[in-house]
N, C-alpha and C. Protein backbone atom coordinates (compact mmCIF):
# COMPACT_ATOMS: atom_id res chain seq x y z
N UNK A 1 84.34 58.17 124.17
CA UNK A 1 83.81 58.89 123.08
C UNK A 1 82.34 59.17 123.30
N UNK A 2 81.51 58.75 123.81
CA UNK A 2 80.12 59.16 123.94
C UNK A 2 79.94 60.10 125.10
N UNK A 3 81.03 60.56 125.67
CA UNK A 3 80.93 61.46 126.83
C UNK A 3 80.52 62.84 126.37
N UNK A 4 79.74 63.49 127.22
CA UNK A 4 79.31 64.84 126.87
C UNK A 4 80.40 65.83 127.20
N UNK A 5 80.49 66.79 126.39
CA UNK A 5 81.47 67.83 126.62
C UNK A 5 80.81 68.98 127.36
N UNK A 6 81.53 69.55 128.25
CA UNK A 6 81.01 70.71 128.94
C UNK A 6 81.12 71.91 128.02
N UNK A 7 80.07 72.68 128.04
CA UNK A 7 80.08 73.86 127.20
C UNK A 7 80.67 75.02 128.01
N UNK A 8 81.58 75.65 127.46
CA UNK A 8 82.22 76.79 128.10
C UNK A 8 81.65 78.10 127.59
N UNK A 9 80.36 78.06 127.26
CA UNK A 9 79.73 79.24 126.72
C UNK A 9 78.91 79.86 127.83
N UNK A 10 79.03 81.13 128.02
CA UNK A 10 78.25 81.81 129.05
C UNK A 10 77.11 82.57 128.39
N UNK A 11 76.05 82.82 129.16
CA UNK A 11 74.88 83.50 128.63
C UNK A 11 75.08 85.01 128.69
N UNK A 12 74.43 85.64 127.74
CA UNK A 12 74.48 87.10 127.72
C UNK A 12 73.41 87.60 128.68
N UNK A 13 73.77 88.50 129.54
CA UNK A 13 72.85 89.03 130.53
C UNK A 13 72.25 90.34 130.04
N UNK A 14 71.26 90.21 129.13
CA UNK A 14 70.57 91.41 128.66
C UNK A 14 69.10 91.25 129.01
N UNK A 15 68.38 92.33 128.89
CA UNK A 15 66.95 92.30 129.21
C UNK A 15 66.19 91.44 128.21
N UNK A 16 66.64 91.46 126.97
CA UNK A 16 65.97 90.65 125.95
C UNK A 16 66.09 89.17 126.28
N UNK A 17 67.27 88.72 126.68
CA UNK A 17 67.48 87.31 127.02
C UNK A 17 66.66 86.95 128.24
N UNK A 18 66.60 87.84 129.22
CA UNK A 18 65.79 87.57 130.41
C UNK A 18 64.30 87.47 130.05
N UNK A 19 63.84 88.34 129.17
CA UNK A 19 62.44 88.29 128.73
C UNK A 19 62.16 86.97 128.00
N UNK A 20 63.09 86.55 127.19
CA UNK A 20 62.91 85.29 126.46
C UNK A 20 62.87 84.10 127.42
N UNK A 21 63.74 84.14 128.45
CA UNK A 21 63.73 83.07 129.45
C UNK A 21 62.41 83.05 130.22
N UNK A 22 61.93 84.22 130.60
CA UNK A 22 60.64 84.29 131.30
C UNK A 22 59.50 83.82 130.38
N UNK A 23 59.59 84.18 129.12
CA UNK A 23 58.57 83.75 128.17
C UNK A 23 58.59 82.22 128.01
N UNK A 24 59.78 81.62 127.97
CA UNK A 24 59.88 80.17 127.89
C UNK A 24 59.33 79.51 129.15
N UNK A 25 59.64 80.08 130.29
CA UNK A 25 59.12 79.54 131.56
C UNK A 25 57.60 79.66 131.60
N UNK A 26 57.08 80.81 131.15
CA UNK A 26 55.63 81.03 131.14
C UNK A 26 54.95 80.06 130.17
N UNK A 27 55.54 79.87 129.00
CA UNK A 27 54.92 78.94 128.04
C UNK A 27 54.99 77.51 128.56
N UNK A 28 56.07 77.16 129.28
CA UNK A 28 56.16 75.83 129.87
C UNK A 28 55.08 75.65 130.94
N UNK A 29 54.85 76.68 131.76
CA UNK A 29 53.77 76.62 132.76
C UNK A 29 52.42 76.48 132.10
N UNK A 30 52.19 77.27 131.02
CA UNK A 30 50.91 77.20 130.31
C UNK A 30 50.70 75.79 129.73
N UNK A 31 51.73 75.24 129.16
CA UNK A 31 51.64 73.89 128.61
C UNK A 31 51.33 72.88 129.71
N UNK A 32 52.01 73.03 130.85
CA UNK A 32 51.80 72.13 131.96
C UNK A 32 50.38 72.25 132.49
N UNK A 33 49.86 73.46 132.63
CA UNK A 33 48.48 73.68 133.09
C UNK A 33 47.47 73.15 132.06
N UNK A 34 47.79 73.34 130.79
CA UNK A 34 46.90 72.82 129.75
C UNK A 34 46.83 71.30 129.82
N UNK A 35 47.97 70.64 130.00
CA UNK A 35 47.97 69.18 130.12
C UNK A 35 47.18 68.74 131.35
N UNK A 36 47.34 69.46 132.45
CA UNK A 36 46.56 69.11 133.66
C UNK A 36 45.06 69.27 133.41
N UNK A 37 44.67 70.39 132.77
CA UNK A 37 43.25 70.61 132.48
C UNK A 37 42.70 69.55 131.54
N UNK A 38 43.48 69.23 130.51
CA UNK A 38 43.02 68.22 129.57
C UNK A 38 42.90 66.85 130.22
N UNK A 39 43.85 66.51 131.07
CA UNK A 39 43.78 65.21 131.75
C UNK A 39 42.59 65.18 132.72
N UNK A 40 42.32 66.27 133.40
CA UNK A 40 41.16 66.35 134.29
C UNK A 40 39.87 66.25 133.48
N UNK A 41 39.82 66.93 132.34
CA UNK A 41 38.66 66.85 131.48
C UNK A 41 38.46 65.42 130.97
N UNK A 42 39.54 64.75 130.61
CA UNK A 42 39.46 63.38 130.14
C UNK A 42 38.92 62.45 131.22
N UNK A 43 39.39 62.63 132.44
CA UNK A 43 38.89 61.81 133.56
C UNK A 43 37.39 62.09 133.77
N UNK A 44 37.01 63.35 133.77
CA UNK A 44 35.61 63.72 133.95
C UNK A 44 34.74 63.19 132.82
N UNK A 45 35.20 63.31 131.59
CA UNK A 45 34.43 62.84 130.43
C UNK A 45 34.30 61.32 130.46
N UNK A 46 35.36 60.61 130.83
CA UNK A 46 35.28 59.15 130.90
C UNK A 46 34.33 58.72 132.02
N UNK A 47 34.32 59.42 133.14
CA UNK A 47 33.39 59.12 134.23
C UNK A 47 31.95 59.33 133.79
N UNK A 48 31.70 60.45 133.10
CA UNK A 48 30.35 60.71 132.62
C UNK A 48 29.91 59.68 131.59
N UNK A 49 30.80 59.32 130.68
CA UNK A 49 30.42 58.32 129.68
C UNK A 49 30.18 56.96 130.33
N UNK A 50 30.95 56.61 131.36
CA UNK A 50 30.69 55.36 132.09
C UNK A 50 29.30 55.39 132.72
N UNK A 51 28.95 56.50 133.36
CA UNK A 51 27.63 56.62 133.97
C UNK A 51 26.52 56.53 132.93
N UNK A 52 26.72 57.20 131.81
CA UNK A 52 25.68 57.18 130.77
C UNK A 52 25.52 55.79 130.17
N UNK A 53 26.62 55.11 129.91
CA UNK A 53 26.54 53.78 129.32
C UNK A 53 25.91 52.79 130.29
N UNK A 54 26.31 52.84 131.55
CA UNK A 54 25.73 51.92 132.53
C UNK A 54 24.24 52.20 132.72
N UNK A 55 23.85 53.47 132.70
CA UNK A 55 22.44 53.83 132.80
C UNK A 55 21.67 53.32 131.59
N UNK A 56 22.24 53.47 130.41
CA UNK A 56 21.60 52.98 129.18
C UNK A 56 21.40 51.47 129.22
N UNK A 57 22.41 50.75 129.65
CA UNK A 57 22.32 49.30 129.70
C UNK A 57 21.27 48.86 130.70
N UNK A 58 21.26 49.48 131.88
CA UNK A 58 20.27 49.09 132.88
C UNK A 58 18.86 49.42 132.42
N UNK A 59 18.68 50.54 131.73
CA UNK A 59 17.36 50.90 131.23
C UNK A 59 16.90 49.96 130.12
N UNK A 60 17.81 49.52 129.27
CA UNK A 60 17.40 48.60 128.21
C UNK A 60 17.02 47.24 128.79
N UNK A 61 17.73 46.78 129.83
CA UNK A 61 17.34 45.51 130.44
C UNK A 61 15.98 45.64 131.12
N UNK A 62 15.74 46.76 131.78
CA UNK A 62 14.43 46.97 132.41
C UNK A 62 13.33 47.05 131.34
N UNK A 63 13.64 47.71 130.24
CA UNK A 63 12.65 47.84 129.16
C UNK A 63 12.34 46.47 128.55
N UNK A 64 13.37 45.65 128.34
CA UNK A 64 13.14 44.31 127.81
C UNK A 64 12.28 43.48 128.75
N UNK A 65 12.53 43.61 130.05
CA UNK A 65 11.72 42.88 131.02
C UNK A 65 10.27 43.36 130.98
N UNK A 66 10.08 44.66 130.86
CA UNK A 66 8.72 45.21 130.79
C UNK A 66 8.00 44.78 129.53
N UNK A 67 8.72 44.72 128.41
CA UNK A 67 8.11 44.28 127.15
C UNK A 67 7.68 42.82 127.24
N UNK A 68 8.54 41.99 127.84
CA UNK A 68 8.19 40.58 128.01
C UNK A 68 6.97 40.43 128.92
N UNK A 69 6.95 41.23 129.98
CA UNK A 69 5.81 41.19 130.90
C UNK A 69 4.54 41.67 130.21
N UNK A 70 4.66 42.67 129.36
CA UNK A 70 3.49 43.18 128.62
C UNK A 70 2.94 42.12 127.68
N UNK A 71 3.84 41.40 126.97
CA UNK A 71 3.39 40.34 126.08
C UNK A 71 2.65 39.26 126.85
N UNK A 72 3.20 38.90 128.01
CA UNK A 72 2.58 37.87 128.84
C UNK A 72 1.20 38.34 129.30
N UNK A 73 1.10 39.58 129.75
CA UNK A 73 -0.17 40.10 130.23
C UNK A 73 -1.18 40.29 129.09
N UNK A 74 -0.70 40.65 127.90
CA UNK A 74 -1.60 40.75 126.74
C UNK A 74 -2.19 39.38 126.40
N UNK A 75 -1.35 38.35 126.45
CA UNK A 75 -1.83 37.00 126.19
C UNK A 75 -2.86 36.59 127.24
N UNK A 76 -2.55 36.90 128.49
CA UNK A 76 -3.48 36.58 129.58
C UNK A 76 -4.78 37.35 129.42
N UNK A 77 -4.70 38.59 128.99
CA UNK A 77 -5.90 39.41 128.78
C UNK A 77 -6.77 38.82 127.67
N UNK A 78 -6.14 38.38 126.58
CA UNK A 78 -6.92 37.79 125.48
C UNK A 78 -7.61 36.51 125.94
N UNK A 79 -6.91 35.70 126.75
CA UNK A 79 -7.53 34.48 127.28
C UNK A 79 -8.72 34.82 128.18
N UNK A 80 -8.56 35.84 129.00
CA UNK A 80 -9.66 36.24 129.89
C UNK A 80 -10.83 36.81 129.11
N UNK A 81 -10.56 37.51 128.02
CA UNK A 81 -11.65 38.03 127.19
C UNK A 81 -12.42 36.89 126.52
N UNK A 82 -11.68 35.87 126.05
CA UNK A 82 -12.35 34.71 125.48
C UNK A 82 -13.23 34.03 126.52
N UNK A 83 -12.68 33.88 127.72
CA UNK A 83 -13.45 33.27 128.81
C UNK A 83 -14.67 34.11 129.15
N UNK A 84 -14.52 35.41 129.14
CA UNK A 84 -15.65 36.30 129.43
C UNK A 84 -16.74 36.16 128.37
N UNK A 85 -16.33 36.07 127.09
CA UNK A 85 -17.30 35.88 126.02
C UNK A 85 -18.06 34.56 126.20
N UNK A 86 -17.34 33.50 126.56
CA UNK A 86 -17.99 32.21 126.79
C UNK A 86 -18.98 32.30 127.94
N UNK A 87 -18.58 32.97 129.00
CA UNK A 87 -19.47 33.10 130.16
C UNK A 87 -20.70 33.96 129.83
N UNK A 88 -20.53 34.98 129.00
CA UNK A 88 -21.68 35.79 128.59
C UNK A 88 -22.65 34.96 127.76
N UNK A 89 -22.10 34.12 126.89
CA UNK A 89 -22.96 33.23 126.11
C UNK A 89 -23.71 32.26 127.02
N UNK A 90 -23.02 31.75 128.05
CA UNK A 90 -23.67 30.85 128.99
C UNK A 90 -24.79 31.56 129.75
N UNK A 91 -24.59 32.83 130.10
CA UNK A 91 -25.62 33.60 130.79
C UNK A 91 -26.84 33.74 129.90
N UNK A 92 -26.59 34.05 128.62
CA UNK A 92 -27.71 34.21 127.69
C UNK A 92 -28.45 32.87 127.53
N UNK A 93 -27.69 31.78 127.43
CA UNK A 93 -28.31 30.46 127.29
C UNK A 93 -29.08 30.07 128.54
N UNK A 94 -28.55 30.41 129.72
CA UNK A 94 -29.22 30.03 130.97
C UNK A 94 -30.50 30.82 131.20
N UNK A 95 -30.71 31.90 130.49
CA UNK A 95 -31.98 32.63 130.58
C UNK A 95 -33.07 31.97 129.73
N UNK A 96 -32.70 30.98 128.91
CA UNK A 96 -33.65 30.27 128.05
C UNK A 96 -34.12 29.00 128.79
N UNK A 97 -35.44 28.85 128.94
CA UNK A 97 -35.99 27.71 129.67
C UNK A 97 -35.74 26.39 128.95
N UNK A 98 -35.80 26.38 127.63
CA UNK A 98 -35.55 25.15 126.89
C UNK A 98 -34.12 24.65 127.10
N UNK A 99 -33.17 25.56 127.11
CA UNK A 99 -31.78 25.18 127.32
C UNK A 99 -31.59 24.62 128.74
N UNK A 100 -32.23 25.25 129.72
CA UNK A 100 -32.12 24.76 131.09
C UNK A 100 -32.69 23.35 131.19
N UNK A 101 -33.81 23.11 130.50
CA UNK A 101 -34.39 21.77 130.52
C UNK A 101 -33.47 20.75 129.89
N UNK A 102 -32.87 21.07 128.74
CA UNK A 102 -31.95 20.14 128.09
C UNK A 102 -30.73 19.88 128.96
N UNK A 103 -30.24 20.93 129.59
CA UNK A 103 -29.07 20.79 130.46
C UNK A 103 -29.39 19.91 131.66
N UNK A 104 -30.56 20.10 132.25
CA UNK A 104 -30.94 19.28 133.41
C UNK A 104 -31.11 17.82 133.00
N UNK A 105 -31.69 17.57 131.85
CA UNK A 105 -31.85 16.18 131.39
C UNK A 105 -30.49 15.56 131.09
N UNK A 106 -29.60 16.33 130.54
CA UNK A 106 -28.29 15.79 130.16
C UNK A 106 -27.39 15.56 131.37
N UNK A 107 -27.29 16.54 132.23
CA UNK A 107 -26.35 16.48 133.35
C UNK A 107 -26.92 15.72 134.56
N UNK A 108 -28.18 15.93 134.84
CA UNK A 108 -28.73 15.39 136.09
C UNK A 108 -29.76 14.28 135.86
N UNK A 109 -29.90 13.86 134.63
CA UNK A 109 -30.76 12.75 134.26
C UNK A 109 -32.22 12.98 134.66
N UNK A 110 -32.68 14.21 134.58
CA UNK A 110 -34.11 14.48 134.76
C UNK A 110 -34.84 14.10 133.49
N UNK A 111 -36.08 13.76 133.64
CA UNK A 111 -36.83 13.37 132.45
C UNK A 111 -38.17 14.10 132.42
N UNK A 112 -38.68 14.21 131.22
CA UNK A 112 -40.01 14.78 131.05
C UNK A 112 -41.03 13.65 131.24
N UNK A 113 -42.29 14.00 131.18
CA UNK A 113 -43.34 12.98 131.33
C UNK A 113 -43.26 12.02 130.15
N UNK A 114 -43.40 10.76 130.47
CA UNK A 114 -43.39 9.68 129.48
C UNK A 114 -42.07 9.61 128.71
N UNK A 115 -40.97 9.95 129.35
CA UNK A 115 -39.66 9.90 128.71
C UNK A 115 -38.78 8.94 129.50
N UNK A 116 -38.06 8.08 128.80
CA UNK A 116 -37.17 7.12 129.44
C UNK A 116 -35.74 7.51 129.08
N UNK A 117 -34.90 7.51 130.08
CA UNK A 117 -33.50 7.90 129.88
C UNK A 117 -32.64 6.65 129.87
N UNK A 118 -31.86 6.50 128.83
CA UNK A 118 -30.92 5.40 128.73
C UNK A 118 -29.51 5.96 128.93
N UNK A 119 -28.80 5.38 129.86
CA UNK A 119 -27.43 5.81 130.13
C UNK A 119 -26.50 4.85 129.40
N UNK A 120 -25.88 5.32 128.36
CA UNK A 120 -24.99 4.48 127.57
C UNK A 120 -23.56 4.79 128.02
N UNK A 121 -22.87 3.81 128.59
CA UNK A 121 -21.49 4.06 129.03
C UNK A 121 -20.58 4.22 127.81
N UNK A 122 -19.58 5.02 128.02
CA UNK A 122 -18.64 5.24 126.94
C UNK A 122 -17.75 4.01 126.83
N UNK A 123 -17.72 3.44 125.67
CA UNK A 123 -16.93 2.21 125.46
C UNK A 123 -15.52 2.57 125.04
N UNK A 124 -14.71 1.51 124.98
CA UNK A 124 -13.33 1.72 124.52
C UNK A 124 -13.34 2.05 123.05
N UNK A 125 -12.48 2.87 122.66
CA UNK A 125 -12.40 3.26 121.25
C UNK A 125 -11.91 2.09 120.43
N UNK A 126 -12.46 1.98 119.24
CA UNK A 126 -12.07 0.88 118.36
C UNK A 126 -10.67 1.12 117.83
N UNK A 127 -9.98 0.05 117.63
CA UNK A 127 -8.61 0.18 117.14
C UNK A 127 -8.58 0.34 115.66
């Protein structure tokens, strides 16, 4: 019972039927070409999106690294500016003769006339 029956119907051989058959064949070809074009477009679009996404990810990682490096260098720059300010103050102080005298007495134990220097050792801190 599920067997197919052979159809004993023959086709009419007219120009209209032939035109319809050619039209069906042509539409089948068009559909097949359309599917091929769409599949090729899909492959091309997926390849382009892969390239764009990978480029975006690599650029964001590079940008993050550059931002971190910039923060580090900004911190280093601020430290160097502080150090530069301290050194400028030292230059200004070293141009003063009184400061040089105090520094020499403190660091190198030089004394003025009739001056006695007492060296007090630093003791242990009280508990």
